[in-house]
Amino acid sequence: MVFDFAIGEGLCESNIATGIPSVLKPHTVKHHASIDVSEIPELITKLESYQGDELTRIAVRLLLLTFVRTAELRGARWDEINFSAREWVIPAERMKMRKAHTVPLSKQAVQLLHDARNIAIRPSPLVFPQRNKLEKPMSENTVLGALYRMGFHGRATGHGFRSLASTTLNTARFPSDAIEIQLAHTESNSSRSAYNHADWIFERRFMMQAWADFLDAAHDLPKAQADLRKAAKNIPDE
């Protein structure tokens, strides 16, 4: 393309890059490793018995409960958390799509945040700071390292929790729009996006609590899945 432009501008006479596209290998998309729904009981069991740093365990569990991106969790600040409203509002500058994102917090997520605050040795503006540098977020490899130590090397990543939640909630038949908004995905249809200003916040609050309850009950996976499907059918009117 550069040489085609140069030819058009009279800067050169031929395109010496002709043929290169045919020999270059196309980019292969590599998805983040994600466990199957059937492996959730194993994950929960190993999280409950995790012997590493307690703040790391809380981070992994909160990531599973909220399925935000790992970077969004690592950078979480206390002033973003509204405990009374049970909401976490991630500002636009920290979001991949540069749009503020509201994460409804289940009762279980709120309890984890209280636990994180209670074990802090020294105050920090960050929910998950580095141990010796309280102004900096925990390492990007902290969650991944914890999953590796729990036996999920090559099987799971923090980002893979997003796929796990999406698959499970879609299978249970929660509204796809609510799931996509909760994942902070942008609307691919620009015309639809222009007219769809609903944030599905009521449905998302109900869905996120149902997801947290499902994870708590996942040791009996068939029953937990049945209860999740039942919840999807019975989203109450706002």
C-alpha atoms as a PDB file:
ATOM      1  CA  MET A   1       0.000   0.000   0.000  1.00  0.00           C
ATOM      2  CA  VAL A   2       2.870   2.355   0.765  1.00  0.00           C
ATOM      3  CA  PHE A   3       4.472   1.712  -2.616  1.00  0.00           C
ATOM      4  CA  ASP A   4       1.144   2.029  -4.424  1.00  0.00           C
ATOM      5  CA  PHE A   5       0.758   5.436  -2.780  1.00  0.00           C
ATOM      6  CA  ALA A   6       4.319   6.393  -3.779  1.00  0.00           C
ATOM      7  CA  ILE A   7       3.658   5.422  -7.394  1.00  0.00           C
ATOM      8  CA  GLY A   8       0.545   7.576  -7.404  1.00  0.00           C
ATOM      9  CA  GLU A   9       2.540  10.493  -6.045  1.00  0.00           C
ATOM     10  CA  GLY A  10       5.272  10.023  -8.639  1.00  0.00           C
ATOM     11  CA  LEU A  11       7.859   9.104  -6.006  1.00  0.00           C
ATOM     12  CA  CYS A  12       8.757   5.730  -7.529  1.00  0.00           C
ATOM     13  CA  GLU A  13       8.000   3.727 -10.658  1.00  0.00           C
ATOM     14  CA  SER A  14       7.229   0.231  -9.374  1.00  0.00           C
ATOM     15  CA  ASN A  15       5.943  -1.629  -6.354  1.00  0.00           C
ATOM     16  CA  ILE A  16       8.811  -3.781  -5.122  1.00  0.00           C
ATOM     17  CA  ALA A  17       6.572  -5.269  -2.408  1.00  0.00           C
ATOM     18  CA  THR A  18       4.303  -6.972  -4.938  1.00  0.00           C
ATOM     19  CA  GLY A  19       3.749 -10.590  -3.910  1.00  0.00           C
ATOM     20  CA  ILE A  20       4.603 -10.150  -0.230  1.00  0.00           C
ATOM     21  CA  PRO A  21       0.970 -10.550   0.960  1.00  0.00           C
ATOM     22  CA  SER A  22       0.777 -13.973  -0.656  1.00  0.00           C
ATOM     23  CA  VAL A  23       3.761 -15.310   1.304  1.00  0.00           C
ATOM     24  CA  LEU A  24       2.981 -13.765   4.681  1.00  0.00           C
ATOM     25  CA  LYS A  25       1.187 -16.057   7.082  1.00  0.00           C
ATOM     26  CA  PRO A  26      -2.170 -14.682   8.257  1.00  0.00           C
ATOM     27  CA  HIS A  27      -2.428 -13.769  11.931  1.00  0.00           C
ATOM     28  CA  THR A  28      -3.985 -16.559  13.974  1.00  0.00           C
ATOM     29  CA  VAL A  29      -6.220 -15.435  16.795  1.00  0.00           C
ATOM     30  CA  LYS A  30      -5.298 -17.191  20.039  1.00  0.00           C
ATOM     31  CA  HIS A  31      -8.059 -17.206  22.626  1.00  0.00           C
ATOM     32  CA  HIS A  32      -7.366 -17.063  26.356  1.00  0.00           C
ATOM     33  CA  ALA A  33      -7.497 -20.444  28.031  1.00  0.00           C
ATOM     34  CA  SER A  34     -10.802 -21.073  29.761  1.00  0.00           C
ATOM     35  CA  ILE A  35     -12.048 -24.039  31.735  1.00  0.00           C
ATOM     36  CA  ASP A  36     -15.228 -25.848  30.800  1.00  0.00           C
ATOM     37  CA  VAL A  37     -18.361 -25.384  32.879  1.00  0.00           C
ATOM     38  CA  SER A  38     -17.915 -28.946  34.144  1.00  0.00           C
ATOM     39  CA  GLU A  39     -14.629 -27.883  35.785  1.00  0.00           C
ATOM     40  CA  ILE A  40     -16.161 -25.113  37.901  1.00  0.00           C
ATOM     41  CA  PRO A  41     -16.534 -27.346  41.010  1.00  0.00           C
ATOM     42  CA  GLU A  42     -12.806 -28.125  40.856  1.00  0.00           C
ATOM     43  CA  LEU A  43     -11.977 -24.420  40.556  1.00  0.00           C
ATOM     44  CA  ILE A  44     -14.190 -23.484  43.497  1.00  0.00           C
ATOM     45  CA  THR A  45     -12.755 -26.266  45.671  1.00  0.00           C
ATOM     46  CA  LYS A  46      -9.176 -25.223  44.940  1.00  0.00           C
ATOM     47  CA  LEU A  47      -9.998 -21.564  45.527  1.00  0.00           C
ATOM     48  CA  GLU A  48     -11.473 -22.406  48.923  1.00  0.00           C
ATOM     49  CA  SER A  49      -8.353 -24.320  49.940  1.00  0.00           C
ATOM     50  CA  TYR A  50      -5.818 -21.938  48.362  1.00  0.00           C
ATOM     51  CA  GLN A  51      -2.818 -21.563  50.667  1.00  0.00           C
ATOM     52  CA  GLY A  52      -1.198 -18.547  49.010  1.00  0.00           C
ATOM     53  CA  ASP A  53      -1.587 -14.845  49.745  1.00  0.00           C
ATOM     54  CA  GLU A  54      -5.118 -14.074  50.978  1.00  0.00           C
ATOM     55  CA  LEU A  55      -5.433 -10.875  48.934  1.00  0.00           C
ATOM     56  CA  THR A  56      -4.555 -12.855  45.811  1.00  0.00           C
ATOM     57  CA  ARG A  57      -7.248 -15.422  46.604  1.00  0.00           C
ATOM     58  CA  ILE A  58      -9.763 -12.613  47.023  1.00  0.00           C
ATOM     59  CA  ALA A  59      -8.680 -11.095  43.698  1.00  0.00           C
ATOM     60  CA  VAL A  60      -9.163 -14.386  41.843  1.00  0.00           C
ATOM     61  CA  ARG A  61     -12.571 -14.961  43.434  1.00  0.00           C
ATOM     62  CA  LEU A  62     -13.705 -11.379  42.737  1.00  0.00           C
ATOM     63  CA  LEU A  63     -12.554 -11.715  39.138  1.00  0.00           C
ATOM     64  CA  LEU A  64     -14.652 -14.855  38.826  1.00  0.00           C
ATOM     65  CA  LEU A  65     -17.670 -13.116  40.379  1.00  0.00           C
ATOM     66  CA  THR A  66     -17.477  -9.966  38.239  1.00  0.00           C
ATOM     67  CA  PHE A  67     -15.741 -11.304  35.076  1.00  0.00           C
ATOM     68  CA  VAL A  68     -14.196  -7.904  34.357  1.00  0.00           C
ATOM     69  CA  ARG A  69     -10.900  -7.766  32.487  1.00  0.00           C
ATOM     70  CA  THR A  70      -7.850  -8.546  34.627  1.00  0.00           C
ATOM     71  CA  ALA A  71      -6.391  -5.060  34.151  1.00  0.00           C
ATOM     72  CA  GLU A  72      -9.656  -3.523  35.330  1.00  0.00           C
ATOM     73  CA  LEU A  73      -9.569  -5.602  38.506  1.00  0.00           C
ATOM     74  CA  ARG A  74      -5.905  -4.876  39.208  1.00  0.00           C
ATOM     75  CA  GLY A  75      -6.490  -1.146  38.921  1.00  0.00           C
ATOM     76  CA  ALA A  76      -9.634  -1.104  41.071  1.00  0.00           C
ATOM     77  CA  ARG A  77      -9.740   1.842  43.478  1.00  0.00           C
ATOM     78  CA  TRP A  78     -11.738   2.208  46.654  1.00  0.00           C
ATOM     79  CA  ASP A  79     -13.284   5.454  45.428  1.00  0.00           C
ATOM     80  CA  GLU A  80     -14.850   3.494  42.542  1.00  0.00           C
ATOM     81  CA  ILE A  81     -16.784   1.251  44.941  1.00  0.00           C
ATOM     82  CA  ASN A  82     -20.214   2.330  46.162  1.00  0.00           C
ATOM     83  CA  PHE A  83     -21.001  -0.078  48.984  1.00  0.00           C
ATOM     84  CA  SER A  84     -24.462   1.291  49.709  1.00  0.00           C
ATOM     85  CA  ALA A  85     -25.549   0.988  46.064  1.00  0.00           C
ATOM     86  CA  ARG A  86     -23.581  -2.256  45.622  1.00  0.00           C
ATOM     87  CA  GLU A  87     -21.935  -0.919  42.490  1.00  0.00           C
ATOM     88  CA  TRP A  88     -18.428  -0.648  41.133  1.00  0.00           C
ATOM     89  CA  VAL A  89     -18.150   2.119  38.528  1.00  0.00           C
ATOM     90  CA  ILE A  90     -14.978   1.750  36.473  1.00  0.00           C
ATOM     91  CA  PRO A  91     -14.088   5.116  34.879  1.00  0.00           C
ATOM     92  CA  ALA A  92     -13.784   5.445  31.116  1.00  0.00           C
ATOM     93  CA  GLU A  93     -10.013   5.967  31.186  1.00  0.00           C
ATOM     94  CA  ARG A  94      -9.525   2.504  32.664  1.00  0.00           C
ATOM     95  CA  MET A  95     -11.850   0.725  30.257  1.00  0.00           C
ATOM     96  CA  LYS A  96     -10.714  -0.874  27.005  1.00  0.00           C
ATOM     97  CA  MET A  97     -13.502   0.860  25.073  1.00  0.00           C
ATOM     98  CA  ARG A  98     -13.016   4.167  26.917  1.00  0.00           C
ATOM     99  CA  LYS A  99     -16.554   4.135  28.259  1.00  0.00           C
ATOM    100  CA  ALA A 100     -17.430   4.106  31.971  1.00  0.00           C
ATOM    101  CA  HIS A 101     -18.704   0.717  33.074  1.00  0.00           C
ATOM    102  CA  THR A 102     -21.008  -0.102  35.986  1.00  0.00           C
ATOM    103  CA  VAL A 103     -20.527  -3.497  37.609  1.00  0.00           C
ATOM    104  CA  PRO A 104     -23.408  -4.553  39.908  1.00  0.00           C
ATOM    105  CA  LEU A 105     -21.952  -6.253  42.966  1.00  0.00           C
ATOM    106  CA  SER A 106     -23.470  -9.399  44.422  1.00  0.00           C
ATOM    107  CA  LYS A 107     -23.615  -9.867  48.176  1.00  0.00           C
ATOM    108  CA  GLN A 108     -20.665 -12.225  47.864  1.00  0.00           C
ATOM    109  CA  ALA A 109     -18.609  -9.641  45.952  1.00  0.00           C
ATOM    110  CA  VAL A 110     -19.344  -6.968  48.560  1.00  0.00           C
ATOM    111  CA  GLN A 111     -18.197  -9.331  51.318  1.00  0.00           C
ATOM    112  CA  LEU A 112     -14.938 -10.008  49.465  1.00  0.00           C
ATOM    113  CA  LEU A 113     -14.294  -6.274  49.182  1.00  0.00           C
ATOM    114  CA  HIS A 114     -14.859  -5.884  52.918  1.00  0.00           C
ATOM    115  CA  ASP A 115     -12.441  -8.773  53.503  1.00  0.00           C
ATOM    116  CA  ALA A 116      -9.834  -7.113  51.270  1.00  0.00           C
ATOM    117  CA  ARG A 117     -10.136  -3.852  53.209  1.00  0.00           C
ATOM    118  CA  ASN A 118      -9.910  -5.610  56.575  1.00  0.00           C
ATOM    119  CA  ILE A 119      -6.664  -7.461  55.797  1.00  0.00           C
ATOM    120  CA  ALA A 120      -4.873  -4.373  54.476  1.00  0.00           C
ATOM    121  CA  ILE A 121      -1.805  -3.685  56.605  1.00  0.00           C
ATOM    122  CA  ARG A 122      -1.579  -0.068  55.469  1.00  0.00           C
ATOM    123  CA  PRO A 123      -4.168   2.073  53.669  1.00  0.00           C
ATOM    124  CA  SER A 124      -3.957   2.334  49.881  1.00  0.00           C
ATOM    125  CA  PRO A 125      -6.196   3.952  47.272  1.00  0.00           C
ATOM    126  CA  LEU A 126      -6.047   0.627  45.415  1.00  0.00           C
ATOM    127  CA  VAL A 127      -8.095  -2.416  46.303  1.00  0.00           C
ATOM    128  CA  PHE A 128      -5.287  -4.751  45.190  1.00  0.00           C
ATOM    129  CA  PRO A 129      -1.963  -2.948  45.649  1.00  0.00           C
ATOM    130  CA  GLN A 130       1.495  -4.407  45.534  1.00  0.00           C
ATOM    131  CA  ARG A 131       2.695  -5.489  48.945  1.00  0.00           C
ATOM    132  CA  ASN A 132       5.634  -3.046  49.084  1.00  0.00           C
ATOM    133  CA  LYS A 133       4.414  -0.368  46.673  1.00  0.00           C
ATOM    134  CA  LEU A 134       0.929   0.581  47.767  1.00  0.00           C
ATOM    135  CA  GLU A 135       0.511   3.139  45.015  1.00  0.00           C
ATOM    136  CA  LYS A 136       0.939   0.496  42.315  1.00  0.00           C
ATOM    137  CA  PRO A 137      -1.492  -2.327  41.426  1.00  0.00           C
ATOM    138  CA  MET A 138      -0.592  -5.968  41.876  1.00  0.00           C
ATOM    139  CA  SER A 139       1.400  -7.565  39.089  1.00  0.00           C
ATOM    140  CA  GLU A 140      -0.413  -8.626  35.933  1.00  0.00           C
ATOM    141  CA  ASN A 141       0.925 -12.145  36.546  1.00  0.00           C
ATOM    142  CA  THR A 142      -0.459 -12.464  40.087  1.00  0.00           C
ATOM    143  CA  VAL A 143      -3.820 -13.973  39.126  1.00  0.00           C
ATOM    144  CA  LEU A 144      -2.286 -16.176  36.445  1.00  0.00           C
ATOM    145  CA  GLY A 145       0.365 -17.400  38.878  1.00  0.00           C
ATOM    146  CA  ALA A 146      -2.293 -18.302  41.434  1.00  0.00           C
ATOM    147  CA  LEU A 147      -4.229 -20.294  38.838  1.00  0.00           C
ATOM    148  CA  TYR A 148      -1.029 -22.107  37.886  1.00  0.00           C
ATOM    149  CA  ARG A 149      -0.362 -23.025  41.516  1.00  0.00           C
ATOM    150  CA  MET A 150      -3.886 -24.389  41.785  1.00  0.00           C
ATOM    151  CA  GLY A 151      -3.180 -26.763  38.895  1.00  0.00           C
ATOM    152  CA  PHE A 152      -4.733 -24.808  36.019  1.00  0.00           C
ATOM    153  CA  HIS A 153      -1.554 -24.165  34.022  1.00  0.00           C
ATOM    154  CA  GLY A 154      -2.555 -23.980  30.361  1.00  0.00           C
ATOM    155  CA  ARG A 155      -6.188 -24.589  31.316  1.00  0.00           C
ATOM    156  CA  ALA A 156      -7.371 -21.265  32.692  1.00  0.00           C
ATOM    157  CA  THR A 157      -6.550 -17.564  32.748  1.00  0.00           C
ATOM    158  CA  GLY A 158      -8.180 -14.659  34.521  1.00  0.00           C
ATOM    159  CA  HIS A 159      -9.413 -13.356  31.188  1.00  0.00           C
ATOM    160  CA  GLY A 160     -10.848 -16.786  30.471  1.00  0.00           C
ATOM    161  CA  PHE A 161     -13.360 -16.247  33.291  1.00  0.00           C
ATOM    162  CA  ARG A 162     -15.167 -13.898  30.907  1.00  0.00           C
ATOM    163  CA  SER A 163     -15.700 -16.688  28.402  1.00  0.00           C
ATOM    164  CA  LEU A 164     -16.720 -19.078  31.171  1.00  0.00           C
ATOM    165  CA  ALA A 165     -19.345 -16.681  32.523  1.00  0.00           C
ATOM    166  CA  SER A 166     -20.624 -15.787  29.061  1.00  0.00           C
ATOM    167  CA  THR A 167     -21.028 -19.423  28.058  1.00  0.00           C
ATOM    168  CA  THR A 168     -22.724 -20.410  31.317  1.00  0.00           C
ATOM    169  CA  LEU A 169     -25.121 -17.456  31.415  1.00  0.00           C
ATOM    170  CA  ASN A 170     -26.028 -17.739  27.739  1.00  0.00           C
ATOM    171  CA  THR A 171     -26.678 -21.457  28.172  1.00  0.00           C
ATOM    172  CA  ALA A 172     -28.970 -20.638  31.095  1.00  0.00           C
ATOM    173  CA  ARG A 173     -30.825 -18.228  28.751  1.00  0.00           C
ATOM    174  CA  PHE A 174     -30.174 -14.915  30.472  1.00  0.00           C
ATOM    175  CA  PRO A 175     -30.805 -11.982  28.081  1.00  0.00           C
ATOM    176  CA  SER A 176     -27.883 -11.807  25.663  1.00  0.00           C
ATOM    177  CA  ASP A 177     -27.924  -7.992  25.732  1.00  0.00           C
ATOM    178  CA  ALA A 178     -27.499  -8.005  29.506  1.00  0.00           C
ATOM    179  CA  ILE A 179     -24.579 -10.435  29.227  1.00  0.00           C
ATOM    180  CA  GLU A 180     -22.861  -8.428  26.497  1.00  0.00           C
ATOM    181  CA  ILE A 181     -23.225  -5.170  28.423  1.00  0.00           C
ATOM    182  CA  GLN A 182     -21.908  -6.855  31.560  1.00  0.00           C
ATOM    183  CA  LEU A 183     -18.874  -7.939  29.537  1.00  0.00           C
ATOM    184  CA  ALA A 184     -18.489  -4.298  28.392  1.00  0.00           C
ATOM    185  CA  HIS A 185     -18.631  -5.367  24.775  1.00  0.00           C
ATOM    186  CA  THR A 186     -19.503  -2.719  22.196  1.00  0.00           C
ATOM    187  CA  GLU A 187     -22.471  -3.111  19.876  1.00  0.00           C
ATOM    188  CA  SER A 188     -21.178  -4.293  16.486  1.00  0.00           C
ATOM    189  CA  ASN A 189     -24.284  -3.016  14.717  1.00  0.00           C
ATOM    190  CA  SER A 190     -23.717   0.750  14.635  1.00  0.00           C
ATOM    191  CA  SER A 191     -27.341   1.519  13.724  1.00  0.00           C
ATOM    192  CA  ARG A 192     -28.660  -0.602  16.593  1.00  0.00           C
ATOM    193  CA  SER A 193     -26.099   0.888  18.955  1.00  0.00           C
ATOM    194  CA  ALA A 194     -27.259   4.405  18.159  1.00  0.00           C
ATOM    195  CA  TYR A 195     -30.782   3.608  19.325  1.00  0.00           C
ATOM    196  CA  ASN A 196     -30.052   1.132  22.115  1.00  0.00           C
ATOM    197  CA  HIS A 197     -29.234   3.244  25.162  1.00  0.00           C
ATOM    198  CA  ALA A 198     -30.572   0.761  27.721  1.00  0.00           C
ATOM    199  CA  ASP A 199     -27.952  -0.456  30.147  1.00  0.00           C
ATOM    200  CA  TRP A 200     -30.044  -3.382  31.425  1.00  0.00           C
ATOM    201  CA  ILE A 201     -28.921  -2.490  34.937  1.00  0.00           C
ATOM    202  CA  PHE A 202     -31.916  -4.057  36.715  1.00  0.00           C
ATOM    203  CA  GLU A 203     -31.524  -7.339  34.833  1.00  0.00           C
ATOM    204  CA  ARG A 204     -27.768  -7.267  35.351  1.00  0.00           C
ATOM    205  CA  ARG A 205     -28.132  -6.830  39.110  1.00  0.00           C
ATOM    206  CA  PHE A 206     -30.372  -9.888  39.234  1.00  0.00           C
ATOM    207  CA  MET A 207     -28.088 -11.849  36.884  1.00  0.00           C
ATOM    208  CA  MET A 208     -24.910 -11.096  38.825  1.00  0.00           C
ATOM    209  CA  GLN A 209     -26.502 -12.233  42.087  1.00  0.00           C
ATOM    210  CA  ALA A 210     -27.747 -15.399  40.381  1.00  0.00           C
ATOM    211  CA  TRP A 211     -24.225 -15.994  39.012  1.00  0.00           C
ATOM    212  CA  ALA A 212     -22.694 -15.597  42.482  1.00  0.00           C
ATOM    213  CA  ASP A 213     -25.268 -17.967  43.989  1.00  0.00           C
ATOM    214  CA  PHE A 214     -24.560 -20.452  41.193  1.00  0.00           C
ATOM    215  CA  LEU A 215     -20.840 -20.416  42.008  1.00  0.00           C
ATOM    216  CA  ASP A 216     -21.578 -20.953  45.714  1.00  0.00           C
ATOM    217  CA  ALA A 217     -23.731 -23.976  44.866  1.00  0.00           C
ATOM    218  CA  ALA A 218     -21.513 -25.349  42.081  1.00  0.00           C
ATOM    219  CA  HIS A 219     -20.318 -28.326  44.148  1.00  0.00           C
ATOM    220  CA  ASP A 220     -23.637 -29.855  43.116  1.00  0.00           C
ATOM    221  CA  LEU A 221     -23.323 -28.733  39.520  1.00  0.00           C
ATOM    222  CA  PRO A 222     -26.516 -30.225  37.999  1.00  0.00           C
ATOM    223  CA  LYS A 223     -28.682 -28.606  40.672  1.00  0.00           C
ATOM    224  CA  ALA A 224     -26.773 -25.311  40.448  1.00  0.00           C
ATOM    225  CA  GLN A 225     -27.266 -25.248  36.680  1.00  0.00           C
ATOM    226  CA  ALA A 226     -30.972 -26.012  37.054  1.00  0.00           C
ATOM    227  CA  ASP A 227     -31.334 -23.190  39.587  1.00  0.00           C
ATOM    228  CA  LEU A 228     -29.495 -20.806  37.258  1.00  0.00           C
ATOM    229  CA  ARG A 229     -31.846 -21.669  34.390  1.00  0.00           C
ATOM    230  CA  LYS A 230     -34.807 -21.158  36.708  1.00  0.00           C
ATOM    231  CA  ALA A 231     -33.458 -17.752  37.719  1.00  0.00           C
ATOM    232  CA  ALA A 232     -33.068 -16.750  34.065  1.00  0.00           C
ATOM    233  CA  LYS A 233     -36.745 -17.562  33.482  1.00  0.00           C
ATOM    234  CA  ASN A 234     -37.881 -15.601  36.515  1.00  0.00           C
ATOM    235  CA  ILE A 235     -36.191 -12.229  36.282  1.00  0.00           C
ATOM    236  CA  PRO A 236     -38.642 -10.049  38.231  1.00  0.00           C
ATOM    237  CA  ASP A 237     -40.183  -6.912  36.818  1.00  0.00           C
ATOM    238  CA  GLU A 238     -38.302  -3.762  37.742  1.00  0.00           C
END
